[in-house]
Amino acid sequence: MPTTTPFPALHSVLAPDALAALLAEHYDLAADVRATFLQRGLNDTYRVEWGNERAILRVYCSGWRTLEQIGWELAFIEQGAQNGASVARPIPRRDGALIAELCAPEGPRA
């Protein structure tokens, strides 16, 4: 029996081109931003490239962590970097925020 409305999802894979467009809009990156889906796990991982630069984008699963918990994780990483640890540091958005939330079929994802 076919349905005409989208069926609820537990986990969706976000379209890399749409993520690249969102990143180009909210981050200070070159206009040629490209995203590639790498793997699904507790979080989805995407490779992001622009110009000669590259980074990893982590998209948390819906309901996995609160924004406060993710903020704590990012603060911990930043503290490690400031104390000499070799870590991958978060890239701030144009507005300075380190976390963004988007609306996915299964609910909000950071």
C-alpha atoms as a PDB file:
ATOM      1  CA  MET A   1       0.000   0.000   0.000  1.00  0.00           C
ATOM      2  CA  PRO A   2       1.829   3.131  -1.207  1.00  0.00           C
ATOM      3  CA  THR A   3       1.865   6.319   0.865  1.00  0.00           C
ATOM      4  CA  THR A   4       1.949   9.891  -0.353  1.00  0.00           C
ATOM      5  CA  THR A   5       3.648  11.454   2.677  1.00  0.00           C
ATOM      6  CA  PRO A   6       7.279  10.880   3.675  1.00  0.00           C
ATOM      7  CA  PHE A   7       7.701   7.890   5.965  1.00  0.00           C
ATOM      8  CA  PRO A   8       9.339   8.653   9.346  1.00  0.00           C
ATOM      9  CA  ALA A   9      13.078   7.971   9.420  1.00  0.00           C
ATOM     10  CA  LEU A  10      15.380   6.861  12.225  1.00  0.00           C
ATOM     11  CA  HIS A  11      18.508   7.970  10.380  1.00  0.00           C
ATOM     12  CA  SER A  12      18.916   9.804   7.111  1.00  0.00           C
ATOM     13  CA  VAL A  13      22.030  10.424   5.054  1.00  0.00           C
ATOM     14  CA  LEU A  14      22.133  14.125   4.272  1.00  0.00           C
ATOM     15  CA  ALA A  15      22.801  15.157   0.685  1.00  0.00           C
ATOM     16  CA  PRO A  16      26.457  16.237   0.371  1.00  0.00           C
ATOM     17  CA  ASP A  17      25.641  18.973  -2.193  1.00  0.00           C
ATOM     18  CA  ALA A  18      23.055  20.513   0.135  1.00  0.00           C
ATOM     19  CA  LEU A  19      25.534  20.432   3.036  1.00  0.00           C
ATOM     20  CA  ALA A  20      28.185  22.091   0.840  1.00  0.00           C
ATOM     21  CA  ALA A  21      25.732  24.883  -0.040  1.00  0.00           C
ATOM     22  CA  LEU A  22      24.888  25.362   3.650  1.00  0.00           C
ATOM     23  CA  LEU A  23      28.581  25.511   4.579  1.00  0.00           C
ATOM     24  CA  ALA A  24      29.309  28.042   1.820  1.00  0.00           C
ATOM     25  CA  GLU A  25      26.502  30.213   3.167  1.00  0.00           C
ATOM     26  CA  HIS A  26      27.525  30.162   6.854  1.00  0.00           C
ATOM     27  CA  TYR A  27      31.322  29.708   6.911  1.00  0.00           C
ATOM     28  CA  ASP A  28      34.221  31.755   5.563  1.00  0.00           C
ATOM     29  CA  LEU A  29      35.198  29.248   2.904  1.00  0.00           C
ATOM     30  CA  ALA A  30      35.937  29.710  -0.788  1.00  0.00           C
ATOM     31  CA  ALA A  31      32.947  29.548  -3.121  1.00  0.00           C
ATOM     32  CA  ASP A  32      33.906  26.123  -4.464  1.00  0.00           C
ATOM     33  CA  VAL A  33      32.927  24.111  -1.362  1.00  0.00           C
ATOM     34  CA  ARG A  34      32.486  20.390  -1.996  1.00  0.00           C
ATOM     35  CA  ALA A  35      31.289  17.722   0.436  1.00  0.00           C
ATOM     36  CA  THR A  36      31.584  13.952   0.182  1.00  0.00           C
ATOM     37  CA  PHE A  37      29.841  11.449   2.446  1.00  0.00           C
ATOM     38  CA  LEU A  38      32.470   9.182   4.037  1.00  0.00           C
ATOM     39  CA  GLN A  39      30.798   7.001   6.647  1.00  0.00           C
ATOM     40  CA  ARG A  40      27.826   6.459   8.891  1.00  0.00           C
ATOM     41  CA  GLY A  41      28.351   5.721  12.572  1.00  0.00           C
ATOM     42  CA  LEU A  42      27.226   7.325  15.800  1.00  0.00           C
ATOM     43  CA  ASN A  43      27.786  10.478  13.764  1.00  0.00           C
ATOM     44  CA  ASP A  44      27.915  10.854  10.009  1.00  0.00           C
ATOM     45  CA  THR A  45      31.265  11.952   8.606  1.00  0.00           C
ATOM     46  CA  TYR A  46      31.747  14.069   5.495  1.00  0.00           C
ATOM     47  CA  ARG A  47      34.942  15.287   3.819  1.00  0.00           C
ATOM     48  CA  VAL A  48      34.695  18.992   2.988  1.00  0.00           C
ATOM     49  CA  GLU A  49      37.044  20.611   0.481  1.00  0.00           C
ATOM     50  CA  TRP A  50      37.397  24.206  -0.705  1.00  0.00           C
ATOM     51  CA  GLY A  51      40.288  25.680  -2.639  1.00  0.00           C
ATOM     52  CA  ASN A  52      43.377  23.829  -1.397  1.00  0.00           C
ATOM     53  CA  GLU A  53      41.854  23.278   2.057  1.00  0.00           C
ATOM     54  CA  ARG A  54      40.010  20.320   3.524  1.00  0.00           C
ATOM     55  CA  ALA A  55      38.237  19.438   6.750  1.00  0.00           C
ATOM     56  CA  ILE A  56      35.957  16.840   8.258  1.00  0.00           C
ATOM     57  CA  LEU A  57      32.321  17.617   9.027  1.00  0.00           C
ATOM     58  CA  ARG A  58      30.618  15.681  11.802  1.00  0.00           C
ATOM     59  CA  VAL A  59      26.824  15.557  11.733  1.00  0.00           C
ATOM     60  CA  TYR A  60      25.465  14.128  14.982  1.00  0.00           C
ATOM     61  CA  CYS A  61      22.582  11.676  14.960  1.00  0.00           C
ATOM     62  CA  SER A  62      19.262  13.050  16.144  1.00  0.00           C
ATOM     63  CA  GLY A  63      18.836  12.575  19.889  1.00  0.00           C
ATOM     64  CA  TRP A  64      22.437  11.386  20.410  1.00  0.00           C
ATOM     65  CA  ARG A  65      23.795  14.491  22.166  1.00  0.00           C
ATOM     66  CA  THR A  66      22.281  17.750  23.342  1.00  0.00           C
ATOM     67  CA  LEU A  67      23.690  21.038  22.083  1.00  0.00           C
ATOM     68  CA  GLU A  68      25.063  21.587  25.603  1.00  0.00           C
ATOM     69  CA  GLN A  69      26.898  18.247  25.538  1.00  0.00           C
ATOM     70  CA  ILE A  70      28.353  18.981  22.109  1.00  0.00           C
ATOM     71  CA  GLY A  71      29.420  22.421  23.341  1.00  0.00           C
ATOM     72  CA  TRP A  72      31.233  20.773  26.249  1.00  0.00           C
ATOM     73  CA  GLU A  73      32.983  18.383  23.844  1.00  0.00           C
ATOM     74  CA  LEU A  74      34.128  21.278  21.645  1.00  0.00           C
ATOM     75  CA  ALA A  75      35.331  23.284  24.668  1.00  0.00           C
ATOM     76  CA  PHE A  76      37.314  20.234  25.826  1.00  0.00           C
ATOM     77  CA  ILE A  77      38.940  19.914  22.378  1.00  0.00           C
ATOM     78  CA  GLU A  78      39.774  23.634  22.338  1.00  0.00           C
ATOM     79  CA  GLN A  79      41.280  23.441  25.830  1.00  0.00           C
ATOM     80  CA  GLY A  80      43.458  20.550  24.695  1.00  0.00           C
ATOM     81  CA  ALA A  81      44.636  22.549  21.679  1.00  0.00           C
ATOM     82  CA  GLN A  82      45.472  25.541  23.867  1.00  0.00           C
ATOM     83  CA  ASN A  83      47.522  23.235  26.100  1.00  0.00           C
ATOM     84  CA  GLY A  84      49.561  21.840  23.212  1.00  0.00           C
ATOM     85  CA  ALA A  85      47.594  18.732  22.266  1.00  0.00           C
ATOM     86  CA  SER A  86      47.521  17.887  18.579  1.00  0.00           C
ATOM     87  CA  VAL A  87      43.773  17.881  17.900  1.00  0.00           C
ATOM     88  CA  ALA A  88      41.443  18.763  15.044  1.00  0.00           C
ATOM     89  CA  ARG A  89      39.989  22.113  16.097  1.00  0.00           C
ATOM     90  CA  PRO A  90      36.452  23.176  15.244  1.00  0.00           C
ATOM     91  CA  ILE A  91      35.967  25.842  12.586  1.00  0.00           C
ATOM     92  CA  PRO A  92      33.683  28.688  13.709  1.00  0.00           C
ATOM     93  CA  ARG A  93      30.819  29.935  11.534  1.00  0.00           C
ATOM     94  CA  ARG A  94      30.800  33.548  10.366  1.00  0.00           C
ATOM     95  CA  ASP A  95      28.778  34.441  13.480  1.00  0.00           C
ATOM     96  CA  GLY A  96      31.403  32.768  15.727  1.00  0.00           C
ATOM     97  CA  ALA A  97      29.252  29.804  16.742  1.00  0.00           C
ATOM     98  CA  LEU A  98      30.796  26.331  16.674  1.00  0.00           C
ATOM     99  CA  ILE A  99      27.543  24.349  16.491  1.00  0.00           C
ATOM    100  CA  ALA A 100      24.678  24.520  14.032  1.00  0.00           C
ATOM    101  CA  GLU A 101      21.460  22.543  14.037  1.00  0.00           C
ATOM    102  CA  LEU A 102      19.531  21.479  10.965  1.00  0.00           C
ATOM    103  CA  CYS A 103      16.157  19.852  10.498  1.00  0.00           C
ATOM    104  CA  ALA A 104      16.476  16.297   9.163  1.00  0.00           C
ATOM    105  CA  PRO A 105      13.613  13.838   8.494  1.00  0.00           C
ATOM    106  CA  GLU A 106      14.253  12.088  11.830  1.00  0.00           C
ATOM    107  CA  GLY A 107      14.516  15.337  13.829  1.00  0.00           C
ATOM    108  CA  PRO A 108      17.114  18.006  14.618  1.00  0.00           C
ATOM    109  CA  ARG A 109      20.771  17.150  13.991  1.00  0.00           C
ATOM    110  CA  ALA A 110      23.750  19.179  15.176  1.00  0.00           C
END
